[in-house]
Amino acid sequence: MDTTTLAAFLALDMLLVFTPGADWAYAISAGLRGRSVGPAVTGLIAGHAAYALVAVAGLAVIVASSPAALTALTVAGAGYLLWLGWGVLRQPTVPAAGEESTDASRLQVALKGFGISGLNPKALLLYFSLFPQFIDPATGWPVAAQTGLLSTVHLTACAVVYVAVGVLARTVLGTRPSAARAVTRASGAMMIAIGAFLLVERLAV
C-alpha cells in the first residue's frame, strides 16, 4: 500500500470521524457527567476494534459483496441509532458537577460505548463499504496486512478525536447547562436524521 492511498484513506476517514453522530454524542455525554472520558472512549474504540478484527479476517469483503447481509447490519444499526437519538432528545444530558463513577459504573460506561460503536451504521459503512475500495491485492501486501494498517489508522483517529470531544465537553460546556442541553439535543436530532436516512437509503435499494 503506497503513501498516496494511505493519505487518501486518512483524509476520508477523518472526515467521517469528525462528523458528529452516536459516538460523538456518547463522548459528550461522558464529559458532561463529570466522569473521566477514558471508559467511554475505551468502549467506543473497542466496538470499532471488533469490526477491525472482522475486517482483518476478510469478512468485510464478503459482507460488502452480499447486499442482504449489509442491509441487515445497516438496518439494525440505523434502528439503534434512532432509539439512541430519541433518548437523547427526551432526556438531554446536563452537567453533573462532582459526580464520581465507581468501578462498576465505569465498566457499564465502557460496555455501553462498545454497544454504541458496535451498532453504529457509520462504522458498518466504513468497514464494509469503504475499506474494500482501498485494498488492492495487486500491491503485494497481504489483504489482512492492508486491512490491519487501515484499521490502525482509523482506531487512532477515533481515539484522539473522541478524547478531545469528551474533554472539551467537560471544560467548555460543563459550566453552561443551557449550552450543554442544546448540544446534546442537536446530537440526538442528528442521530435520528442519520438513522432515518440510512433506513430509507438501504431499504430503497
Protein backbone atom coordinates (compact mmCIF):
# COMPACT_ATOMS: atom_id res chain seq x y z
CA MET A 1 0.00 0.00 0.00
CA ASP A 2 1.58 3.31 -1.08
CA THR A 3 1.56 6.57 0.86
CA THR A 4 -0.85 8.23 -1.59
CA THR A 5 -3.50 5.60 -0.98
CA LEU A 6 -2.95 5.79 2.78
CA ALA A 7 -3.19 9.59 2.73
CA ALA A 8 -6.42 9.45 0.72
CA PHE A 9 -7.89 6.98 3.20
CA LEU A 10 -6.83 9.11 6.18
CA ALA A 11 -8.42 12.23 4.67
CA LEU A 12 -11.73 10.46 4.06
CA ASP A 13 -11.59 8.67 7.40
CA MET A 14 -11.01 11.92 9.31
CA LEU A 15 -13.96 13.46 7.51
CA LEU A 16 -16.16 10.63 8.77
CA VAL A 17 -14.71 10.68 12.29
CA PHE A 18 -15.24 14.44 12.55
CA THR A 19 -18.90 14.05 11.54
CA PRO A 20 -20.98 14.21 14.75
CA GLY A 21 -23.05 11.14 15.43
CA ALA A 22 -23.69 8.48 18.05
CA ASP A 23 -20.03 8.20 19.10
CA TRP A 24 -19.71 11.98 19.50
CA ALA A 25 -22.94 12.16 21.49
CA TYR A 26 -21.71 9.48 23.88
CA ALA A 27 -18.30 11.13 24.33
CA ILE A 28 -20.02 14.46 25.03
CA SER A 29 -22.36 12.80 27.50
CA ALA A 30 -19.45 11.19 29.35
CA GLY A 31 -17.67 14.53 29.62
CA LEU A 32 -20.76 16.35 30.87
CA ARG A 33 -21.49 13.76 33.56
CA GLY A 34 -18.26 14.66 35.33
CA ARG A 35 -16.64 11.30 34.73
CA SER A 36 -13.32 10.55 33.12
CA VAL A 37 -13.91 10.15 29.41
CA GLY A 38 -11.49 7.21 29.39
CA PRO A 39 -14.02 4.40 29.98
CA ALA A 40 -16.44 5.82 27.42
CA VAL A 41 -13.76 6.22 24.75
CA THR A 42 -12.32 2.79 25.58
CA GLY A 43 -15.73 1.24 24.96
CA LEU A 44 -16.21 3.15 21.73
CA ILE A 45 -12.79 2.13 20.43
CA ALA A 46 -13.42 -1.50 21.46
CA GLY A 47 -16.53 -1.53 19.28
CA HIS A 48 -14.54 -0.27 16.30
CA ALA A 49 -11.75 -2.74 17.10
CA ALA A 50 -14.26 -5.60 16.91
CA TYR A 51 -15.08 -4.52 13.37
CA ALA A 52 -11.37 -4.29 12.67
CA LEU A 53 -10.87 -7.92 13.68
CA VAL A 54 -13.74 -8.96 11.44
CA ALA A 55 -12.29 -6.92 8.59
CA VAL A 56 -8.80 -8.38 9.05
CA ALA A 57 -10.35 -11.84 8.91
CA GLY A 58 -11.53 -10.98 5.42
CA LEU A 59 -15.22 -10.89 6.21
CA ALA A 60 -15.54 -7.23 5.26
CA VAL A 61 -15.06 -8.04 1.59
CA ILE A 62 -17.51 -10.94 1.84
CA VAL A 63 -20.19 -8.87 3.59
CA ALA A 64 -19.67 -5.97 1.20
CA SER A 65 -20.40 -8.33 -1.69
CA SER A 66 -23.59 -9.57 -0.01
CA PRO A 67 -26.32 -6.91 -0.28
CA ALA A 68 -28.65 -8.83 2.03
CA ALA A 69 -26.07 -9.09 4.84
CA LEU A 70 -25.05 -5.46 4.53
CA THR A 71 -28.71 -4.39 4.52
CA ALA A 72 -29.46 -6.38 7.67
CA LEU A 73 -26.46 -4.92 9.52
CA THR A 74 -27.23 -1.38 8.37
CA VAL A 75 -30.92 -1.61 9.32
CA ALA A 76 -30.02 -2.94 12.79
CA GLY A 77 -27.53 -0.12 13.31
CA ALA A 78 -29.89 2.54 11.99
CA GLY A 79 -32.67 1.34 14.28
CA TYR A 80 -30.36 1.50 17.29
CA LEU A 81 -29.28 4.99 16.23
CA LEU A 82 -32.93 6.12 16.08
CA TRP A 83 -33.54 4.72 19.57
CA LEU A 84 -30.45 6.43 20.99
CA GLY A 85 -31.30 9.73 19.31
CA TRP A 86 -34.83 9.70 20.71
CA GLY A 87 -33.45 9.00 24.18
CA VAL A 88 -31.06 11.95 23.93
CA LEU A 89 -33.84 14.29 22.76
CA ARG A 90 -36.15 13.12 25.53
CA GLN A 91 -33.55 13.40 28.28
CA PRO A 92 -30.67 15.67 27.19
CA THR A 93 -27.52 15.42 29.27
CA VAL A 94 -26.70 18.31 31.59
CA PRO A 95 -23.51 18.85 33.61
CA ALA A 96 -23.32 16.92 36.87
CA ALA A 97 -20.64 18.61 38.92
CA GLY A 98 -18.73 16.45 41.33
CA GLU A 99 -20.26 13.17 40.20
CA GLU A 100 -17.78 10.35 40.67
CA SER A 101 -18.01 6.98 38.99
CA THR A 102 -17.48 3.65 40.71
CA ASP A 103 -15.62 0.70 39.26
CA ALA A 104 -18.94 -0.93 38.33
CA SER A 105 -20.25 2.19 36.64
CA ARG A 106 -17.01 2.61 34.69
CA LEU A 107 -17.48 -0.90 33.34
CA GLN A 108 -21.08 -0.14 32.43
CA VAL A 109 -19.98 3.06 30.69
CA ALA A 110 -17.42 1.12 28.65
CA LEU A 111 -19.89 -1.63 27.76
CA LYS A 112 -22.47 0.89 26.60
CA GLY A 113 -19.80 2.58 24.49
CA PHE A 114 -18.97 -0.80 22.96
CA GLY A 115 -22.63 -1.31 22.07
CA ILE A 116 -22.97 2.18 20.60
CA SER A 117 -19.97 1.94 18.30
CA GLY A 118 -20.60 -1.75 17.63
CA LEU A 119 -24.01 -0.92 16.13
CA ASN A 120 -23.05 2.43 14.67
CA PRO A 121 -24.06 2.49 10.97
CA LYS A 122 -21.13 4.82 10.26
CA ALA A 123 -18.73 2.10 11.43
CA LEU A 124 -20.63 -0.52 9.41
CA LEU A 125 -20.35 1.53 6.24
CA LEU A 126 -16.70 2.36 6.91
CA TYR A 127 -15.52 -1.21 7.30
CA PHE A 128 -17.83 -2.97 4.87
CA SER A 129 -18.16 -0.36 2.12
CA LEU A 130 -15.14 1.96 2.33
CA PHE A 131 -12.30 -0.38 3.30
CA PRO A 132 -12.61 -2.66 0.24
CA GLN A 133 -12.09 0.38 -2.01
CA PHE A 134 -8.61 0.98 -0.56
CA ILE A 135 -7.47 -2.66 -0.51
CA ASP A 136 -5.58 -3.80 -3.59
CA PRO A 137 -4.25 -7.39 -3.61
CA ALA A 138 -2.07 -6.48 -6.61
CA THR A 139 0.23 -4.35 -4.44
CA GLY A 140 1.91 -7.43 -3.00
CA TRP A 141 0.73 -6.70 0.54
CA PRO A 142 -1.46 -9.41 2.08
CA VAL A 143 -5.07 -8.26 2.29
CA ALA A 144 -5.03 -8.85 6.06
CA ALA A 145 -1.96 -6.60 6.44
CA GLN A 146 -3.55 -3.80 4.41
CA THR A 147 -6.78 -4.07 6.39
CA GLY A 148 -4.84 -4.07 9.66
CA LEU A 149 -2.98 -0.92 8.67
CA LEU A 150 -6.16 0.90 7.67
CA SER A 151 -7.82 -0.23 10.90
CA THR A 152 -4.92 1.05 12.99
CA VAL A 153 -5.13 4.44 11.31
CA HIS A 154 -8.88 4.57 11.91
CA LEU A 155 -8.73 3.48 15.56
CA THR A 156 -6.02 6.05 16.30
CA ALA A 157 -8.04 8.83 14.69
CA CYS A 158 -11.15 7.83 16.64
CA ALA A 159 -9.29 7.72 19.96
CA VAL A 160 -7.76 11.18 19.51
CA VAL A 161 -10.98 12.83 18.32
CA TYR A 162 -13.28 11.22 20.90
CA VAL A 163 -11.00 12.08 23.83
CA ALA A 164 -10.80 15.67 22.58
CA VAL A 165 -14.59 15.84 22.22
CA GLY A 166 -15.18 14.49 25.72
CA VAL A 167 -12.61 16.77 27.36
CA LEU A 168 -13.88 19.84 25.50
CA ALA A 169 -17.45 19.00 26.51
CA ARG A 170 -16.41 18.87 30.16
CA THR A 171 -14.32 22.06 30.10
CA VAL A 172 -16.35 24.22 27.72
CA LEU A 173 -19.93 23.03 28.30
CA GLY A 174 -19.56 21.87 31.90
CA THR A 175 -20.42 25.29 33.31
CA ARG A 176 -23.06 26.09 30.71
CA PRO A 177 -26.12 23.87 31.30
CA SER A 178 -28.24 25.52 28.60
CA ALA A 179 -25.48 25.18 26.00
CA ALA A 180 -24.86 21.56 27.02
CA ARG A 181 -28.56 20.78 26.68
CA ALA A 182 -28.65 22.39 23.24
CA VAL A 183 -25.58 20.49 22.04
CA THR A 184 -26.87 17.12 23.24
CA ARG A 185 -30.29 17.76 21.68
CA ALA A 186 -28.59 18.66 18.40
CA SER A 187 -26.61 15.42 18.60
CA GLY A 188 -29.81 13.47 19.24
CA ALA A 189 -31.54 15.11 16.29
CA MET A 190 -28.54 14.33 14.07
CA MET A 191 -28.57 10.67 15.17
CA ILE A 192 -32.25 10.41 14.27
CA ALA A 193 -31.65 12.10 10.91
CA ILE A 194 -28.72 9.81 10.06
CA GLY A 195 -30.62 6.71 11.19
CA ALA A 196 -33.69 7.66 9.14
CA PHE A 197 -31.57 8.43 6.07
CA LEU A 198 -29.75 5.09 6.30
CA LEU A 199 -33.03 3.20 6.68
CA VAL A 200 -34.58 4.91 3.66
CA GLU A 201 -31.43 4.61 1.56
CA ARG A 202 -30.82 0.95 2.39
CA LEU A 203 -34.44 -0.27 2.21
CA ALA A 204 -34.98 1.58 -1.07
CA VAL A 205 -32.22 -0.39 -2.76
